[in-house]
Amino acid sequence: MKAYLGLYSARLETPARGLKEKRALIKPALERVKARFPVSAARLYGLDAWGFEVVGLSLLGNDPGWVEETLREAARFLASQGGFNVALEAFHLEAIDLDGLV
């Protein structure tokens, strides 16, 4: 039996002129994604930079199709939040062998 881990990372570029302004755009957007989709979200890099930040979403499940589609829907929803531009993004799906556990 296998479990599937989906990872999404994105570089978000903002017109923010300060760290508080940038955080006021990105943090609520990530909270809305977490409220709507069964994903974990994190601010990964660029926390001290004004113009960009790298964020990540993750999801674990037993159906690779569901994991990938849910993660892609969450990514589209994040991009639609406005106030920033998704400059780069990456998806990764990994199978995790559960032999010996079940």
C-alpha atoms as a PDB file:
ATOM      1  CA  MET A   1       0.000   0.000   0.000  1.00  0.00           C
ATOM      2  CA  LYS A   2       1.143   3.547  -0.719  1.00  0.00           C
ATOM      3  CA  ALA A   3       0.449   7.043   0.541  1.00  0.00           C
ATOM      4  CA  TYR A   4       0.974  10.072  -1.676  1.00  0.00           C
ATOM      5  CA  LEU A   5       2.526  13.361  -0.624  1.00  0.00           C
ATOM      6  CA  GLY A   6       1.804  16.380  -2.759  1.00  0.00           C
ATOM      7  CA  LEU A   7       3.934  19.505  -2.487  1.00  0.00           C
ATOM      8  CA  TYR A   8       3.371  22.881  -4.117  1.00  0.00           C
ATOM      9  CA  SER A   9       5.726  25.823  -3.877  1.00  0.00           C
ATOM     10  CA  ALA A  10       5.329  29.274  -5.380  1.00  0.00           C
ATOM     11  CA  ARG A  11       7.219  32.532  -5.544  1.00  0.00           C
ATOM     12  CA  LEU A  12       4.706  35.304  -4.908  1.00  0.00           C
ATOM     13  CA  GLU A  13       5.711  38.796  -6.003  1.00  0.00           C
ATOM     14  CA  THR A  14       4.035  41.780  -4.388  1.00  0.00           C
ATOM     15  CA  PRO A  15       4.051  45.542  -4.878  1.00  0.00           C
ATOM     16  CA  ALA A  16       4.313  45.907  -1.084  1.00  0.00           C
ATOM     17  CA  ARG A  17       6.547  48.689   0.201  1.00  0.00           C
ATOM     18  CA  GLY A  18       7.106  47.118   3.595  1.00  0.00           C
ATOM     19  CA  LEU A  19       7.124  43.809   5.417  1.00  0.00           C
ATOM     20  CA  LYS A  20       3.847  44.481   7.265  1.00  0.00           C
ATOM     21  CA  GLU A  21       2.104  45.359   4.011  1.00  0.00           C
ATOM     22  CA  LYS A  22       3.414  42.180   2.356  1.00  0.00           C
ATOM     23  CA  ARG A  23       2.398  40.019   5.320  1.00  0.00           C
ATOM     24  CA  ALA A  24      -1.075  41.634   5.240  1.00  0.00           C
ATOM     25  CA  LEU A  25      -1.460  40.340   1.662  1.00  0.00           C
ATOM     26  CA  ILE A  26       0.068  36.872   1.925  1.00  0.00           C
ATOM     27  CA  LYS A  27      -0.835  35.598   5.390  1.00  0.00           C
ATOM     28  CA  PRO A  28      -4.635  36.045   4.995  1.00  0.00           C
ATOM     29  CA  ALA A  29      -4.490  34.453   1.538  1.00  0.00           C
ATOM     30  CA  LEU A  30      -2.786  31.363   2.999  1.00  0.00           C
ATOM     31  CA  GLU A  31      -5.366  31.239   5.816  1.00  0.00           C
ATOM     32  CA  ARG A  32      -8.203  31.302   3.252  1.00  0.00           C
ATOM     33  CA  VAL A  33      -6.560  28.442   1.342  1.00  0.00           C
ATOM     34  CA  LYS A  34      -6.267  26.381   4.554  1.00  0.00           C
ATOM     35  CA  ALA A  35      -9.896  27.108   5.444  1.00  0.00           C
ATOM     36  CA  ARG A  36     -11.140  25.955   2.037  1.00  0.00           C
ATOM     37  CA  PHE A  37      -8.838  23.000   1.267  1.00  0.00           C
ATOM     38  CA  PRO A  38      -7.397  20.164   3.396  1.00  0.00           C
ATOM     39  CA  VAL A  39      -3.813  21.407   3.006  1.00  0.00           C
ATOM     40  CA  SER A  40      -1.021  22.629   5.223  1.00  0.00           C
ATOM     41  CA  ALA A  41       0.496  25.971   4.272  1.00  0.00           C
ATOM     42  CA  ALA A  42       3.749  27.670   5.189  1.00  0.00           C
ATOM     43  CA  ARG A  43       5.706  30.815   4.425  1.00  0.00           C
ATOM     44  CA  LEU A  44       9.071  29.356   3.415  1.00  0.00           C
ATOM     45  CA  TYR A  45      11.488  32.022   2.217  1.00  0.00           C
ATOM     46  CA  GLY A  46      11.741  35.754   1.659  1.00  0.00           C
ATOM     47  CA  LEU A  47      10.173  36.646   4.987  1.00  0.00           C
ATOM     48  CA  ASP A  48      12.538  39.634   5.284  1.00  0.00           C
ATOM     49  CA  ALA A  49      12.178  40.726   1.640  1.00  0.00           C
ATOM     50  CA  TRP A  50       9.612  43.306   0.590  1.00  0.00           C
ATOM     51  CA  GLY A  51       8.888  42.320  -2.972  1.00  0.00           C
ATOM     52  CA  PHE A  52       8.527  38.555  -2.869  1.00  0.00           C
ATOM     53  CA  GLU A  53       7.945  35.503  -0.720  1.00  0.00           C
ATOM     54  CA  VAL A  54       8.090  31.756  -1.330  1.00  0.00           C
ATOM     55  CA  VAL A  55       5.156  29.805   0.082  1.00  0.00           C
ATOM     56  CA  GLY A  56       4.335  26.124   0.152  1.00  0.00           C
ATOM     57  CA  LEU A  57       1.292  23.867   0.389  1.00  0.00           C
ATOM     58  CA  SER A  58       1.308  20.162   1.229  1.00  0.00           C
ATOM     59  CA  LEU A  59      -1.257  17.381   1.217  1.00  0.00           C
ATOM     60  CA  LEU A  60      -1.098  13.693   2.121  1.00  0.00           C
ATOM     61  CA  GLY A  61      -3.600  11.085   0.948  1.00  0.00           C
ATOM     62  CA  ASN A  62      -4.094   7.573  -0.397  1.00  0.00           C
ATOM     63  CA  ASP A  63      -5.288   8.536  -3.914  1.00  0.00           C
ATOM     64  CA  PRO A  64      -2.665  10.221  -6.122  1.00  0.00           C
ATOM     65  CA  GLY A  65      -5.296  11.729  -8.421  1.00  0.00           C
ATOM     66  CA  TRP A  66      -7.162  13.334  -5.546  1.00  0.00           C
ATOM     67  CA  VAL A  67      -3.938  14.626  -3.970  1.00  0.00           C
ATOM     68  CA  GLU A  68      -2.757  16.212  -7.220  1.00  0.00           C
ATOM     69  CA  GLU A  69      -6.115  17.697  -8.222  1.00  0.00           C
ATOM     70  CA  THR A  70      -6.817  19.097  -4.746  1.00  0.00           C
ATOM     71  CA  LEU A  71      -3.372  20.669  -4.592  1.00  0.00           C
ATOM     72  CA  ARG A  72      -3.804  22.200  -8.056  1.00  0.00           C
ATOM     73  CA  GLU A  73      -7.221  23.599  -7.086  1.00  0.00           C
ATOM     74  CA  ALA A  74      -5.714  25.080  -3.923  1.00  0.00           C
ATOM     75  CA  ALA A  75      -2.920  26.635  -6.004  1.00  0.00           C
ATOM     76  CA  ARG A  76      -5.446  28.179  -8.421  1.00  0.00           C
ATOM     77  CA  PHE A  77      -7.431  29.521  -5.489  1.00  0.00           C
ATOM     78  CA  LEU A  78      -4.279  31.037  -3.951  1.00  0.00           C
ATOM     79  CA  ALA A  79      -3.402  32.713  -7.261  1.00  0.00           C
ATOM     80  CA  SER A  80      -6.901  34.200  -7.479  1.00  0.00           C
ATOM     81  CA  GLN A  81      -6.615  35.969  -4.118  1.00  0.00           C
ATOM     82  CA  GLY A  82      -5.053  39.083  -5.656  1.00  0.00           C
ATOM     83  CA  GLY A  83      -2.542  41.540  -4.302  1.00  0.00           C
ATOM     84  CA  PHE A  84       0.366  39.443  -5.561  1.00  0.00           C
ATOM     85  CA  ASN A  85       1.527  37.654  -8.696  1.00  0.00           C
ATOM     86  CA  VAL A  86       2.538  33.984  -8.855  1.00  0.00           C
ATOM     87  CA  ALA A  87       5.868  34.372 -10.640  1.00  0.00           C
ATOM     88  CA  LEU A  88       7.070  30.754 -10.408  1.00  0.00           C
ATOM     89  CA  GLU A  89       5.453  27.575  -9.174  1.00  0.00           C
ATOM     90  CA  ALA A  90       6.326  23.908  -8.814  1.00  0.00           C
ATOM     91  CA  PHE A  91       4.303  20.774  -8.085  1.00  0.00           C
ATOM     92  CA  HIS A  92       5.739  17.527  -6.784  1.00  0.00           C
ATOM     93  CA  LEU A  93       3.949  14.233  -6.036  1.00  0.00           C
ATOM     94  CA  GLU A  94       5.770  11.471  -4.216  1.00  0.00           C
ATOM     95  CA  ALA A  95       4.656   7.928  -3.424  1.00  0.00           C
ATOM     96  CA  ILE A  96       5.473   6.705   0.073  1.00  0.00           C
ATOM     97  CA  ASP A  97       5.604   2.954   0.589  1.00  0.00           C
ATOM     98  CA  LEU A  98       3.628   1.829   3.639  1.00  0.00           C
ATOM     99  CA  ASP A  99       4.780  -1.796   3.563  1.00  0.00           C
ATOM    100  CA  GLY A 100       5.497  -3.018   7.049  1.00  0.00           C
ATOM    101  CA  LEU A 101       2.954  -0.620   8.541  1.00  0.00           C
ATOM    102  CA  VAL A 102      -0.173  -2.305   7.222  1.00  0.00           C
END
